[in-house]
């Protein structure tokens, strides 16, 4: 194990059911690499090994985004094994853009019957 200990982050946001949560993210060593681990309810999410803890944390955030988690943010609570409390600033991770849904035939037909907005230009 490396000297000084591993980092720990607090992760907060909305889960895939739009419920707010706040849980610790811990890191595990995998040889010379690190895995980020989140335990939430009955689920344990762990990343593949990454060369740095920050890279593993980012991979965890991306994995959560693909599972529908939103408004994610983290705060370092332990750095190199030293407790920081809530001294550090929160880091926010923007939600990915929603997928573009192709417009179906029924939507196009319904659009024909929607009222049109009038422009406010004088005649």
PDB file of N, CA and C in Angstrom:
ATOM      1  N   UNK A   1       0.853  -1.192   0.000  1.00  0.00           N
ATOM      2  CA  UNK A   1       0.000   0.000   0.000  1.00  0.00           C
ATOM      3  C   UNK A   1       0.884   1.235   0.000  1.00  0.00           C
ATOM      4  N   UNK A   2       0.441   2.239  -0.668  1.00  0.00           N
ATOM      5  CA  UNK A   2       1.264   3.449  -0.762  1.00  0.00           C
ATOM      6  C   UNK A   2       1.160   4.268   0.510  1.00  0.00           C
ATOM      7  N   UNK A   3       2.169   5.075   0.730  1.00  0.00           N
ATOM      8  CA  UNK A   3       2.243   5.895   1.933  1.00  0.00           C
ATOM      9  C   UNK A   3       1.215   7.011   1.918  1.00  0.00           C
ATOM     10  N   UNK A   4       0.595   7.295   3.062  1.00  0.00           N
ATOM     11  CA  UNK A   4      -0.341   8.411   3.173  1.00  0.00           C
ATOM     12  C   UNK A   4      -1.790   8.021   3.056  1.00  0.00           C
ATOM     13  N   UNK A   5      -2.095   6.855   2.517  1.00  0.00           N
ATOM     14  CA  UNK A   5      -3.489   6.436   2.405  1.00  0.00           C
ATOM     15  C   UNK A   5      -4.140   6.914   1.126  1.00  0.00           C
ATOM     16  N   UNK A   6      -5.362   6.487   0.948  1.00  0.00           N
ATOM     17  CA  UNK A   6      -6.109   6.809  -0.262  1.00  0.00           C
ATOM     18  C   UNK A   6      -7.087   7.942  -0.005  1.00  0.00           C
ATOM     19  N   UNK A   7      -7.517   8.568  -1.094  1.00  0.00           N
ATOM     20  CA  UNK A   7      -8.500   9.649  -0.997  1.00  0.00           C
ATOM     21  C   UNK A   7      -9.888   9.066  -0.758  1.00  0.00           C
ATOM     22  N   UNK A   8     -10.777   9.929  -0.302  1.00  0.00           N
ATOM     23  CA  UNK A   8     -12.190   9.576  -0.175  1.00  0.00           C
ATOM     24  C   UNK A   8     -12.974  10.825  -0.563  1.00  0.00           C
ATOM     25  N   UNK A   9     -14.005  10.645  -1.353  1.00  0.00           N
ATOM     26  CA  UNK A   9     -14.846  11.746  -1.816  1.00  0.00           C
ATOM     27  C   UNK A   9     -16.276  11.517  -1.353  1.00  0.00           C
ATOM     28  N   UNK A  10     -16.997  12.600  -1.177  1.00  0.00           N
ATOM     29  CA  UNK A  10     -18.434  12.528  -0.954  1.00  0.00           C
ATOM     30  C   UNK A  10     -19.080  12.792  -2.302  1.00  0.00           C
ATOM     31  N   UNK A  11     -19.984  11.926  -2.721  1.00  0.00           N
ATOM     32  CA  UNK A  11     -20.684  12.059  -4.002  1.00  0.00           C
ATOM     33  C   UNK A  11     -22.153  12.323  -3.716  1.00  0.00           C
ATOM     34  N   UNK A  12     -22.694  13.365  -4.330  1.00  0.00           N
ATOM     35  CA  UNK A  12     -24.105  13.716  -4.145  1.00  0.00           C
ATOM     36  C   UNK A  12     -24.744  13.919  -5.506  1.00  0.00           C
ATOM     37  N   UNK A  13     -26.052  13.741  -5.562  1.00  0.00           N
ATOM     38  CA  UNK A  13     -26.780  13.967  -6.805  1.00  0.00           C
ATOM     39  C   UNK A  13     -28.151  13.333  -6.756  1.00  0.00           C
ATOM     40  N   UNK A  14     -28.689  13.059  -7.937  1.00  0.00           N
ATOM     41  CA  UNK A  14     -29.987  12.405  -8.079  1.00  0.00           C
ATOM     42  C   UNK A  14     -29.762  11.041  -8.709  1.00  0.00           C
ATOM     43  N   UNK A  15     -30.391  10.012  -8.138  1.00  0.00           N
ATOM     44  CA  UNK A  15     -30.243   8.679  -8.707  1.00  0.00           C
ATOM     45  C   UNK A  15     -31.161   8.509  -9.913  1.00  0.00           C
ATOM     46  N   UNK A  16     -31.171   7.312 -10.473  1.00  0.00           N
ATOM     47  CA  UNK A  16     -31.951   7.061 -11.689  1.00  0.00           C
ATOM     48  C   UNK A  16     -33.459   7.174 -11.461  1.00  0.00           C
ATOM     49  N   UNK A  17     -33.894   7.226 -10.193  1.00  0.00           N
ATOM     50  CA  UNK A  17     -35.319   7.415  -9.890  1.00  0.00           C
ATOM     51  C   UNK A  17     -35.599   8.845  -9.427  1.00  0.00           C
ATOM     52  N   UNK A  18     -34.641   9.749  -9.646  1.00  0.00           N
ATOM     53  CA  UNK A  18     -34.765  11.165  -9.286  1.00  0.00           C
ATOM     54  C   UNK A  18     -34.802  11.394  -7.775  1.00  0.00           C
ATOM     55  N   UNK A  19     -34.200  10.498  -7.001  1.00  0.00           N
ATOM     56  CA  UNK A  19     -34.106  10.666  -5.549  1.00  0.00           C
ATOM     57  C   UNK A  19     -32.727  11.199  -5.199  1.00  0.00           C
ATOM     58  N   UNK A  20     -32.680  12.162  -4.308  1.00  0.00           N
ATOM     59  CA  UNK A  20     -31.408  12.716  -3.874  1.00  0.00           C
ATOM     60  C   UNK A  20     -30.628  11.717  -3.029  1.00  0.00           C
ATOM     61  N   UNK A  21     -29.299  11.743  -3.171  1.00  0.00           N
ATOM     62  CA  UNK A  21     -28.463  10.863  -2.366  1.00  0.00           C
ATOM     63  C   UNK A  21     -27.124  11.535  -2.105  1.00  0.00           C
ATOM     64  N   UNK A  22     -26.442  11.058  -1.087  1.00  0.00           N
ATOM     65  CA  UNK A  22     -25.085  11.487  -0.768  1.00  0.00           C
ATOM     66  C   UNK A  22     -24.375  10.293  -0.138  1.00  0.00           C
ATOM     67  N   UNK A  23     -23.298   9.829  -0.794  1.00  0.00           N
ATOM     68  CA  UNK A  23     -22.577   8.645  -0.335  1.00  0.00           C
ATOM     69  C   UNK A  23     -21.077   8.854  -0.515  1.00  0.00           C
ATOM     70  N   UNK A  24     -20.276   8.160   0.309  1.00  0.00           N
ATOM     71  CA  UNK A  24     -18.831   8.240   0.123  1.00  0.00           C
ATOM     72  C   UNK A  24     -18.376   7.393  -1.066  1.00  0.00           C
ATOM     73  N   UNK A  25     -17.357   7.864  -1.749  1.00  0.00           N
ATOM     74  CA  UNK A  25     -16.679   7.101  -2.791  1.00  0.00           C
ATOM     75  C   UNK A  25     -15.298   6.775  -2.245  1.00  0.00           C
ATOM     76  N   UNK A  26     -14.982   5.500  -2.238  1.00  0.00           N
ATOM     77  CA  UNK A  26     -13.679   5.066  -1.757  1.00  0.00           C
ATOM     78  C   UNK A  26     -12.867   4.539  -2.919  1.00  0.00           C
ATOM     79  N   UNK A  27     -11.576   4.397  -2.702  1.00  0.00           N
ATOM     80  CA  UNK A  27     -10.684   3.885  -3.732  1.00  0.00           C
ATOM     81  C   UNK A  27     -10.017   2.624  -3.225  1.00  0.00           C
ATOM     82  N   UNK A  28      -9.839   1.684  -4.144  1.00  0.00           N
ATOM     83  CA  UNK A  28      -9.117   0.461  -3.846  1.00  0.00           C
ATOM     84  C   UNK A  28      -7.925   0.391  -4.779  1.00  0.00           C
ATOM     85  N   UNK A  29      -6.826  -0.115  -4.249  1.00  0.00           N
ATOM     86  CA  UNK A  29      -5.639  -0.283  -5.081  1.00  0.00           C
ATOM     87  C   UNK A  29      -5.738  -1.585  -5.851  1.00  0.00           C
ATOM     88  N   UNK A  30      -5.338  -1.523  -7.104  1.00  0.00           N
ATOM     89  CA  UNK A  30      -5.276  -2.699  -7.972  1.00  0.00           C
ATOM     90  C   UNK A  30      -3.895  -2.690  -8.614  1.00  0.00           C
ATOM     91  N   UNK A  31      -2.922  -3.215  -7.905  1.00  0.00           N
ATOM     92  CA  UNK A  31      -1.535  -3.130  -8.371  1.00  0.00           C
ATOM     93  C   UNK A  31      -1.071  -1.683  -8.268  1.00  0.00           C
ATOM     94  N   UNK A  32      -0.680  -1.124  -9.386  1.00  0.00           N
ATOM     95  CA  UNK A  32      -0.246   0.275  -9.435  1.00  0.00           C
ATOM     96  C   UNK A  32      -1.402   1.213  -9.784  1.00  0.00           C
ATOM     97  N   UNK A  33      -2.593   0.653  -9.937  1.00  0.00           N
ATOM     98  CA  UNK A  33      -3.760   1.435 -10.365  1.00  0.00           C
ATOM     99  C   UNK A  33      -4.798   1.528  -9.239  1.00  0.00           C
ATOM    100  N   UNK A  34      -5.887   2.250  -9.539  1.00  0.00           N
ATOM    101  CA  UNK A  34      -6.943   2.490  -8.553  1.00  0.00           C
ATOM    102  C   UNK A  34      -8.313   2.237  -9.160  1.00  0.00           C
ATOM    103  N   UNK A  35      -9.214   1.744  -8.330  1.00  0.00           N
ATOM    104  CA  UNK A  35     -10.620   1.575  -8.694  1.00  0.00           C
ATOM    105  C   UNK A  35     -11.441   2.446  -7.758  1.00  0.00           C
ATOM    106  N   UNK A  36     -12.421   3.157  -8.301  1.00  0.00           N
ATOM    107  CA  UNK A  36     -13.357   3.937  -7.487  1.00  0.00           C
ATOM    108  C   UNK A  36     -14.539   3.032  -7.162  1.00  0.00           C
ATOM    109  N   UNK A  37     -14.991   3.091  -5.898  1.00  0.00           N
ATOM    110  CA  UNK A  37     -16.063   2.204  -5.444  1.00  0.00           C
ATOM    111  C   UNK A  37     -17.160   3.032  -4.774  1.00  0.00           C
ATOM    112  N   UNK A  38     -18.397   2.831  -5.229  1.00  0.00           N
ATOM    113  CA  UNK A  38     -19.567   3.466  -4.638  1.00  0.00           C
ATOM    114  C   UNK A  38     -20.524   2.379  -4.183  1.00  0.00           C
ATOM    115  N   UNK A  39     -20.956   2.475  -2.934  1.00  0.00           N
ATOM    116  CA  UNK A  39     -21.993   1.579  -2.418  1.00  0.00           C
ATOM    117  C   UNK A  39     -23.236   2.440  -2.214  1.00  0.00           C
ATOM    118  N   UNK A  40     -24.313   2.048  -2.906  1.00  0.00           N
ATOM    119  CA  UNK A  40     -25.565   2.805  -2.820  1.00  0.00           C
ATOM    120  C   UNK A  40     -26.712   1.815  -2.762  1.00  0.00           C
ATOM    121  N   UNK A  41     -27.437   1.832  -1.666  1.00  0.00           N
ATOM    122  CA  UNK A  41     -28.509   0.886  -1.402  1.00  0.00           C
ATOM    123  C   UNK A  41     -27.952  -0.529  -1.527  1.00  0.00           C
ATOM    124  N   UNK A  42     -28.489  -1.355  -2.406  1.00  0.00           N
ATOM    125  CA  UNK A  42     -28.006  -2.731  -2.534  1.00  0.00           C
ATOM    126  C   UNK A  42     -26.984  -2.886  -3.652  1.00  0.00           C
ATOM    127  N   UNK A  43     -26.531  -1.790  -4.227  1.00  0.00           N
ATOM    128  CA  UNK A  43     -25.639  -1.828  -5.381  1.00  0.00           C
ATOM    129  C   UNK A  43     -24.223  -1.427  -4.980  1.00  0.00           C
ATOM    130  N   UNK A  44     -23.258  -2.129  -5.546  1.00  0.00           N
ATOM    131  CA  UNK A  44     -21.853  -1.750  -5.402  1.00  0.00           C
ATOM    132  C   UNK A  44     -21.320  -1.537  -6.807  1.00  0.00           C
ATOM    133  N   UNK A  45     -20.918  -0.307  -7.100  1.00  0.00           N
ATOM    134  CA  UNK A  45     -20.404   0.032  -8.422  1.00  0.00           C
ATOM    135  C   UNK A  45     -18.909   0.268  -8.279  1.00  0.00           C
ATOM    136  N   UNK A  46     -18.134  -0.440  -9.085  1.00  0.00           N
ATOM    137  CA  UNK A  46     -16.677  -0.312  -9.054  1.00  0.00           C
ATOM    138  C   UNK A  46     -16.174  -0.106 -10.474  1.00  0.00           C
ATOM    139  N   UNK A  47     -15.200   0.768 -10.632  1.00  0.00           N
ATOM    140  CA  UNK A  47     -14.646   1.030 -11.961  1.00  0.00           C
ATOM    141  C   UNK A  47     -13.542   0.032 -12.281  1.00  0.00           C
ATOM    142  N   UNK A  48     -13.160   0.017 -13.529  1.00  0.00           N
ATOM    143  CA  UNK A  48     -11.961  -0.709 -13.950  1.00  0.00           C
ATOM    144  C   UNK A  48     -10.758   0.024 -13.358  1.00  0.00           C
ATOM    145  N   UNK A  49      -9.613  -0.624 -13.246  1.00  0.00           N
ATOM    146  CA  UNK A  49      -8.416   0.068 -12.720  1.00  0.00           C
ATOM    147  C   UNK A  49      -7.976   1.221 -13.624  1.00  0.00           C
ATOM    148  N   UNK A  50      -7.583   2.323 -12.989  1.00  0.00           N
ATOM    149  CA  UNK A  50      -7.072   3.511 -13.682  1.00  0.00           C
ATOM    150  C   UNK A  50      -5.760   3.933 -13.027  1.00  0.00           C
ATOM    151  N   UNK A  51      -4.892   4.619 -13.773  1.00  0.00           N
ATOM    152  CA  UNK A  51      -3.582   4.978 -13.230  1.00  0.00           C
ATOM    153  C   UNK A  51      -3.622   6.003 -12.091  1.00  0.00           C
ATOM    154  N   UNK A  52      -4.712   6.755 -11.964  1.00  0.00           N
ATOM    155  CA  UNK A  52      -4.814   7.770 -10.906  1.00  0.00           C
ATOM    156  C   UNK A  52      -6.203   7.726 -10.296  1.00  0.00           C
ATOM    157  N   UNK A  53      -6.307   8.149  -9.042  1.00  0.00           N
ATOM    158  CA  UNK A  53      -7.596   8.163  -8.359  1.00  0.00           C
ATOM    159  C   UNK A  53      -8.581   9.101  -9.053  1.00  0.00           C
ATOM    160  N   UNK A  54      -8.112  10.253  -9.515  1.00  0.00           N
ATOM    161  CA  UNK A  54      -9.000  11.203 -10.196  1.00  0.00           C
ATOM    162  C   UNK A  54      -9.574  10.609 -11.479  1.00  0.00           C
ATOM    163  N   UNK A  55      -8.771   9.822 -12.209  1.00  0.00           N
ATOM    164  CA  UNK A  55      -9.257   9.180 -13.432  1.00  0.00           C
ATOM    165  C   UNK A  55     -10.311   8.128 -13.099  1.00  0.00           C
ATOM    166  N   UNK A  56     -10.101   7.392 -12.004  1.00  0.00           N
ATOM    167  CA  UNK A  56     -11.081   6.389 -11.582  1.00  0.00           C
ATOM    168  C   UNK A  56     -12.387   7.066 -11.155  1.00  0.00           C
ATOM    169  N   UNK A  57     -12.283   8.200 -10.471  1.00  0.00           N
ATOM    170  CA  UNK A  57     -13.475   8.940 -10.052  1.00  0.00           C
ATOM    171  C   UNK A  57     -14.264   9.416 -11.272  1.00  0.00           C
ATOM    172  N   UNK A  58     -13.573   9.949 -12.268  1.00  0.00           N
ATOM    173  CA  UNK A  58     -14.241  10.414 -13.489  1.00  0.00           C
ATOM    174  C   UNK A  58     -14.927   9.253 -14.214  1.00  0.00           C
ATOM    175  N   UNK A  59     -14.287   8.087 -14.234  1.00  0.00           N
ATOM    176  CA  UNK A  59     -14.900   6.905 -14.856  1.00  0.00           C
ATOM    177  C   UNK A  59     -16.166   6.498 -14.094  1.00  0.00           C
ATOM    178  N   UNK A  60     -16.147   6.621 -12.780  1.00  0.00           N
ATOM    179  CA  UNK A  60     -17.331   6.316 -11.978  1.00  0.00           C
ATOM    180  C   UNK A  60     -18.471   7.280 -12.310  1.00  0.00           C
ATOM    181  N   UNK A  61     -18.154   8.563 -12.409  1.00  0.00           N
ATOM    182  CA  UNK A  61     -19.162   9.575 -12.754  1.00  0.00           C
ATOM    183  C   UNK A  61     -19.773   9.255 -14.119  1.00  0.00           C
ATOM    184  N   UNK A  62     -18.937   8.920 -15.083  1.00  0.00           N
ATOM    185  CA  UNK A  62     -19.432   8.594 -16.424  1.00  0.00           C
ATOM    186  C   UNK A  62     -20.319   7.351 -16.397  1.00  0.00           C
ATOM    187  N   UNK A  63     -19.941   6.351 -15.610  1.00  0.00           N
ATOM    188  CA  UNK A  63     -20.754   5.139 -15.488  1.00  0.00           C
ATOM    189  C   UNK A  63     -22.113   5.462 -14.869  1.00  0.00           C
ATOM    190  N   UNK A  64     -22.117   6.316 -13.859  1.00  0.00           N
ATOM    191  CA  UNK A  64     -23.376   6.697 -13.222  1.00  0.00           C
ATOM    192  C   UNK A  64     -24.262   7.485 -14.185  1.00  0.00           C
ATOM    193  N   UNK A  65     -23.648   8.374 -14.965  1.00  0.00           N
ATOM    194  CA  UNK A  65     -24.426   9.131 -15.955  1.00  0.00           C
ATOM    195  C   UNK A  65     -25.113   8.179 -16.934  1.00  0.00           C
ATOM    196  N   UNK A  66     -24.426   7.130 -17.366  1.00  0.00           N
ATOM    197  CA  UNK A  66     -25.037   6.202 -18.322  1.00  0.00           C
ATOM    198  C   UNK A  66     -26.176   5.415 -17.684  1.00  0.00           C
ATOM    199  N   UNK A  67     -26.191   5.329 -16.348  1.00  0.00           N
ATOM    200  CA  UNK A  67     -27.263   4.617 -15.643  1.00  0.00           C
ATOM    201  C   UNK A  67     -28.408   5.548 -15.231  1.00  0.00           C
ATOM    202  N   UNK A  68     -28.332   6.821 -15.643  1.00  0.00           N
ATOM    203  CA  UNK A  68     -29.431   7.745 -15.372  1.00  0.00           C
ATOM    204  C   UNK A  68     -29.244   8.645 -14.171  1.00  0.00           C
ATOM    205  N   UNK A  69     -28.089   8.612 -13.528  1.00  0.00           N
ATOM    206  CA  UNK A  69     -27.826   9.505 -12.397  1.00  0.00           C
ATOM    207  C   UNK A  69     -27.549  10.903 -12.935  1.00  0.00           C
ATOM    208  N   UNK A  70     -28.014  11.938 -12.223  1.00  0.00           N
ATOM    209  CA  UNK A  70     -27.895  13.312 -12.708  1.00  0.00           C
ATOM    210  C   UNK A  70     -27.467  14.249 -11.583  1.00  0.00           C
ATOM    211  N   UNK A  71     -27.077  15.458 -11.974  1.00  0.00           N
ATOM    212  CA  UNK A  71     -26.680  16.531 -11.050  1.00  0.00           C
ATOM    213  C   UNK A  71     -25.614  16.047 -10.066  1.00  0.00           C
ATOM    214  N   UNK A  72     -24.642  15.308 -10.579  1.00  0.00           N
ATOM    215  CA  UNK A  72     -23.604  14.730  -9.725  1.00  0.00           C
ATOM    216  C   UNK A  72     -22.551  15.764  -9.363  1.00  0.00           C
ATOM    217  N   UNK A  73     -22.083  15.678  -8.122  1.00  0.00           N
ATOM    218  CA  UNK A  73     -21.009  16.541  -7.651  1.00  0.00           C
ATOM    219  C   UNK A  73     -20.242  15.797  -6.573  1.00  0.00           C
ATOM    220  N   UNK A  74     -18.954  16.120  -6.448  1.00  0.00           N
ATOM    221  CA  UNK A  74     -18.113  15.463  -5.450  1.00  0.00           C
ATOM    222  C   UNK A  74     -17.361  16.502  -4.628  1.00  0.00           C
ATOM    223  N   UNK A  75     -16.972  16.062  -3.448  1.00  0.00           N
ATOM    224  CA  UNK A  75     -16.160  16.884  -2.556  1.00  0.00           C
ATOM    225  C   UNK A  75     -15.144  15.960  -1.889  1.00  0.00           C
ATOM    226  N   UNK A  76     -13.892  16.345  -1.915  1.00  0.00           N
ATOM    227  CA  UNK A  76     -12.844  15.548  -1.262  1.00  0.00           C
ATOM    228  C   UNK A  76     -13.032  15.659   0.239  1.00  0.00           C
ATOM    229  N   UNK A  77     -13.126  14.505   0.916  1.00  0.00           N
ATOM    230  CA  UNK A  77     -13.224  14.527   2.379  1.00  0.00           C
ATOM    231  C   UNK A  77     -11.944  13.993   3.039  1.00  0.00           C
ATOM    232  N   UNK A  78     -11.186  13.153   2.336  1.00  0.00           N
ATOM    233  CA  UNK A  78      -9.875  12.683   2.774  1.00  0.00           C
ATOM    234  C   UNK A  78      -8.912  12.826   1.610  1.00  0.00           C
ATOM    235  N   UNK A  79      -7.762  13.407   1.835  1.00  0.00           N
ATOM    236  CA  UNK A  79      -6.712  13.513   0.806  1.00  0.00           C
ATOM    237  C   UNK A  79      -5.450  12.902   1.400  1.00  0.00           C
ATOM    238  N   UNK A  80      -4.951  11.855   0.745  1.00  0.00           N
ATOM    239  CA  UNK A  80      -3.765  11.136   1.230  1.00  0.00           C
ATOM    240  C   UNK A  80      -3.945  10.675   2.676  1.00  0.00           C
ATOM    241  N   UNK A  81      -5.157  10.271   3.019  1.00  0.00           N
ATOM    242  CA  UNK A  81      -5.437   9.751   4.350  1.00  0.00           C
ATOM    243  C   UNK A  81      -5.682  10.809   5.413  1.00  0.00           C
ATOM    244  N   UNK A  82      -5.630  12.087   5.064  1.00  0.00           N
ATOM    245  CA  UNK A  82      -5.836  13.177   6.029  1.00  0.00           C
ATOM    246  C   UNK A  82      -7.261  13.704   5.884  1.00  0.00           C
ATOM    247  N   UNK A  83      -7.979  13.761   7.006  1.00  0.00           N
ATOM    248  CA  UNK A  83      -9.370  14.218   7.002  1.00  0.00           C
ATOM    249  C   UNK A  83      -9.439  15.713   6.734  1.00  0.00           C
ATOM    250  N   UNK A  84     -10.247  16.094   5.754  1.00  0.00           N
ATOM    251  CA  UNK A  84     -10.398  17.501   5.379  1.00  0.00           C
ATOM    252  C   UNK A  84     -11.758  18.067   5.779  1.00  0.00           C
ATOM    253  N   UNK A  85     -12.672  17.216   6.215  1.00  0.00           N
ATOM    254  CA  UNK A  85     -14.017  17.689   6.539  1.00  0.00           C
ATOM    255  C   UNK A  85     -14.679  18.228   5.295  1.00  0.00           C
ATOM    256  N   UNK A  86     -15.246  19.414   5.396  1.00  0.00           N
ATOM    257  CA  UNK A  86     -15.896  20.030   4.236  1.00  0.00           C
ATOM    258  C   UNK A  86     -15.144  21.282   3.794  1.00  0.00           C
ATOM    259  N   UNK A  87     -13.810  21.262   3.946  1.00  0.00           N
ATOM    260  CA  UNK A  87     -12.982  22.412   3.562  1.00  0.00           C
ATOM    261  C   UNK A  87     -12.908  22.597   2.047  1.00  0.00           C
ATOM    262  N   UNK A  88     -12.921  21.496   1.324  1.00  0.00           N
ATOM    263  CA  UNK A  88     -12.745  21.561  -0.128  1.00  0.00           C
ATOM    264  C   UNK A  88     -14.048  21.973  -0.813  1.00  0.00           C
ATOM    265  N   UNK A  89     -13.912  22.583  -1.983  1.00  0.00           N
ATOM    266  CA  UNK A  89     -15.076  22.982  -2.766  1.00  0.00           C
ATOM    267  C   UNK A  89     -15.686  21.771  -3.462  1.00  0.00           C
ATOM    268  N   UNK A  90     -16.985  21.842  -3.736  1.00  0.00           N
ATOM    269  CA  UNK A  90     -17.659  20.807  -4.503  1.00  0.00           C
ATOM    270  C   UNK A  90     -17.285  20.947  -5.970  1.00  0.00           C
ATOM    271  N   UNK A  91     -17.094  19.825  -6.640  1.00  0.00           N
ATOM    272  CA  UNK A  91     -16.848  19.791  -8.077  1.00  0.00           C
ATOM    273  C   UNK A  91     -18.107  19.237  -8.726  1.00  0.00           C
ATOM    274  N   UNK A  92     -18.681  20.001  -9.658  1.00  0.00           N
ATOM    275  CA  UNK A  92     -19.915  19.583 -10.324  1.00  0.00           C
ATOM    276  C   UNK A  92     -19.591  19.005 -11.690  1.00  0.00           C
ATOM    277  N   UNK A  93     -20.323  17.967 -12.057  1.00  0.00           N
ATOM    278  CA  UNK A  93     -20.131  17.285 -13.330  1.00  0.00           C
ATOM    279  C   UNK A  93     -21.384  17.499 -14.173  1.00  0.00           C
ATOM    280  N   UNK A  94     -21.258  18.189 -15.302  1.00  0.00           N
ATOM    281  CA  UNK A  94     -22.450  18.464 -16.113  1.00  0.00           C
ATOM    282  C   UNK A  94     -23.096  17.169 -16.610  1.00  0.00           C
ATOM    283  N   UNK A  95     -24.421  17.181 -16.625  1.00  0.00           N
ATOM    284  CA  UNK A  95     -25.156  16.034 -17.132  1.00  0.00           C
ATOM    285  C   UNK A  95     -24.919  15.914 -18.632  1.00  0.00           C
ATOM    286  N   UNK A  96     -24.885  14.696 -19.125  1.00  0.00           N
ATOM    287  CA  UNK A  96     -24.745  14.535 -20.583  1.00  0.00           C
ATOM    288  C   UNK A  96     -26.006  15.030 -21.282  1.00  0.00           C
ATOM    289  N   UNK A  97     -25.845  15.429 -22.518  1.00  0.00           N
ATOM    290  CA  UNK A  97     -27.001  15.887 -23.300  1.00  0.00           C
ATOM    291  C   UNK A  97     -27.949  14.712 -23.513  1.00  0.00           C
ATOM    292  N   UNK A  98     -29.254  14.971 -23.418  1.00  0.00           N
ATOM    293  CA  UNK A  98     -30.203  13.879 -23.653  1.00  0.00           C
ATOM    294  C   UNK A  98     -30.120  13.416 -25.102  1.00  0.00           C
ATOM    295  N   UNK A  99     -30.358  12.132 -25.342  1.00  0.00           N
ATOM    296  CA  UNK A  99     -30.291  11.634 -26.722  1.00  0.00           C
ATOM    297  C   UNK A  99     -31.384  12.264 -27.573  1.00  0.00           C
ATOM    298  N   UNK A 100     -31.057  12.525 -28.816  1.00  0.00           N
ATOM    299  CA  UNK A 100     -32.018  13.101 -29.747  1.00  0.00           C
ATOM    300  C   UNK A 100     -32.950  11.982 -30.199  1.00  0.00           C
ATOM    301  N   UNK A 101     -34.242  12.208 -29.998  1.00  0.00           N
ATOM    302  CA  UNK A 101     -35.230  11.212 -30.400  1.00  0.00           C
ATOM    303  C   UNK A 101     -35.714  11.550 -31.806  1.00  0.00           C
ATOM    304  N   UNK A 102     -35.673  10.577 -32.697  1.00  0.00           N
ATOM    305  CA  UNK A 102     -36.169  10.855 -34.044  1.00  0.00           C
ATOM    306  C   UNK A 102     -37.677  11.092 -34.001  1.00  0.00           C
ATOM    307  N   UNK A 103     -38.106  12.049 -34.785  1.00  0.00           N
ATOM    308  CA  UNK A 103     -39.533  12.376 -34.813  1.00  0.00           C
ATOM    309  C   UNK A 103     -40.262  11.330 -35.643  1.00  0.00           C
ATOM    310  N   UNK A 104     -41.256  10.719 -35.053  1.00  0.00           N
ATOM    311  CA  UNK A 104     -42.025   9.681 -35.737  1.00  0.00           C
ATOM    312  C   UNK A 104     -43.121  10.262 -36.602  1.00  0.00           C
ATOM    313  N   UNK A 105     -43.741   9.421 -37.362  1.00  0.00           N
ATOM    314  CA  UNK A 105     -44.797   9.827 -38.284  1.00  0.00           C
ATOM    315  C   UNK A 105     -45.981  10.445 -37.539  1.00  0.00           C
ATOM    316  N   UNK A 106     -46.367   9.846 -36.400  1.00  0.00           N
ATOM    317  CA  UNK A 106     -47.498  10.390 -35.644  1.00  0.00           C
ATOM    318  C   UNK A 106     -47.193  11.791 -35.100  1.00  0.00           C
ATOM    319  N   UNK A 107     -45.962  12.018 -34.678  1.00  0.00           N
ATOM    320  CA  UNK A 107     -45.590  13.349 -34.188  1.00  0.00           C
ATOM    321  C   UNK A 107     -45.673  14.379 -35.306  1.00  0.00           C
ATOM    322  N   UNK A 108     -45.249  13.993 -36.498  1.00  0.00           N
ATOM    323  CA  UNK A 108     -45.317  14.920 -37.636  1.00  0.00           C
ATOM    324  C   UNK A 108     -46.767  15.260 -37.976  1.00  0.00           C
ATOM    325  N   UNK A 109     -47.606  14.252 -37.983  1.00  0.00           N
ATOM    326  CA  UNK A 109     -49.024  14.482 -38.293  1.00  0.00           C
ATOM    327  C   UNK A 109     -49.663  15.364 -37.228  1.00  0.00           C
ATOM    328  N   UNK A 110     -49.371  15.096 -35.963  1.00  0.00           N
ATOM    329  CA  UNK A 110     -49.917  15.915 -34.884  1.00  0.00           C
ATOM    330  C   UNK A 110     -49.435  17.356 -34.997  1.00  0.00           C
ATOM    331  N   UNK A 111     -48.228  17.561 -35.481  1.00  0.00           N
ATOM    332  CA  UNK A 111     -47.688  18.903 -35.666  1.00  0.00           C
ATOM    333  C   UNK A 111     -48.459  19.708 -36.688  1.00  0.00           C
ATOM    334  N   UNK A 112     -49.078  19.038 -37.645  1.00  0.00           N
ATOM    335  CA  UNK A 112     -49.873  19.737 -38.654  1.00  0.00           C
ATOM    336  C   UNK A 112     -51.091  20.395 -38.026  1.00  0.00           C
ATOM    337  N   UNK A 113     -51.581  19.839 -36.924  1.00  0.00           N
ATOM    338  CA  UNK A 113     -52.811  20.333 -36.319  1.00  0.00           C
ATOM    339  C   UNK A 113     -52.568  21.247 -35.121  1.00  0.00           C
ATOM    340  N   UNK A 114     -51.313  21.444 -34.750  1.00  0.00           N
ATOM    341  CA  UNK A 114     -51.016  22.362 -33.635  1.00  0.00           C
ATOM    342  C   UNK A 114     -51.222  23.790 -34.101  1.00  0.00           C
ATOM    343  N   UNK A 115     -51.733  24.642 -33.199  1.00  0.00           N
ATOM    344  CA  UNK A 115     -51.919  26.047 -33.588  1.00  0.00           C
ATOM    345  C   UNK A 115     -50.567  26.708 -33.837  1.00  0.00           C
ATOM    346  N   UNK A 116     -50.504  27.503 -34.829  1.00  0.00           N
ATOM    347  CA  UNK A 116     -49.284  28.242 -35.169  1.00  0.00           C
ATOM    348  C   UNK A 116     -49.250  29.538 -34.365  1.00  0.00           C
ATOM    349  N   UNK A 117     -48.053  29.938 -33.941  1.00  0.00           N
ATOM    350  CA  UNK A 117     -47.918  31.216 -33.244  1.00  0.00           C
ATOM    351  C   UNK A 117     -47.836  32.317 -34.280  1.00  0.00           C
ATOM    352  N   UNK A 118     -48.452  33.435 -33.967  1.00  0.00           N
ATOM    353  CA  UNK A 118     -48.430  34.574 -34.897  1.00  0.00           C
ATOM    354  C   UNK A 118     -47.274  35.468 -34.531  1.00  0.00           C
ATOM    355  N   UNK A 119     -46.659  36.041 -35.537  1.00  0.00           N
ATOM    356  CA  UNK A 119     -45.571  36.977 -35.259  1.00  0.00           C
ATOM    357  C   UNK A 119     -46.160  38.322 -34.869  1.00  0.00           C
ATOM    358  N   UNK A 120     -45.401  39.070 -34.140  1.00  0.00           N
ATOM    359  CA  UNK A 120     -45.843  40.377 -33.646  1.00  0.00           C
ATOM    360  C   UNK A 120     -45.411  41.524 -34.551  1.00  0.00           C
ATOM    361  N   UNK A 121     -45.213  41.241 -35.803  1.00  0.00           N
ATOM    362  CA  UNK A 121     -44.800  42.314 -36.722  1.00  0.00           C
ATOM    363  C   UNK A 121     -46.048  43.029 -37.209  1.00  0.00           C
ATOM    364  N   UNK A 122     -45.992  44.385 -37.292  1.00  0.00           N
ATOM    365  CA  UNK A 122     -47.156  45.133 -37.756  1.00  0.00           C
ATOM    366  C   UNK A 122     -47.429  44.876 -39.228  1.00  0.00           C
ATOM    367  N   UNK A 123     -48.708  44.898 -39.618  1.00  0.00           N
ATOM    368  CA  UNK A 123     -49.103  44.654 -41.022  1.00  0.00           C
ATOM    369  C   UNK A 123     -49.087  45.923 -41.800  1.00  0.00           C
TER     370      UNK A 123
END
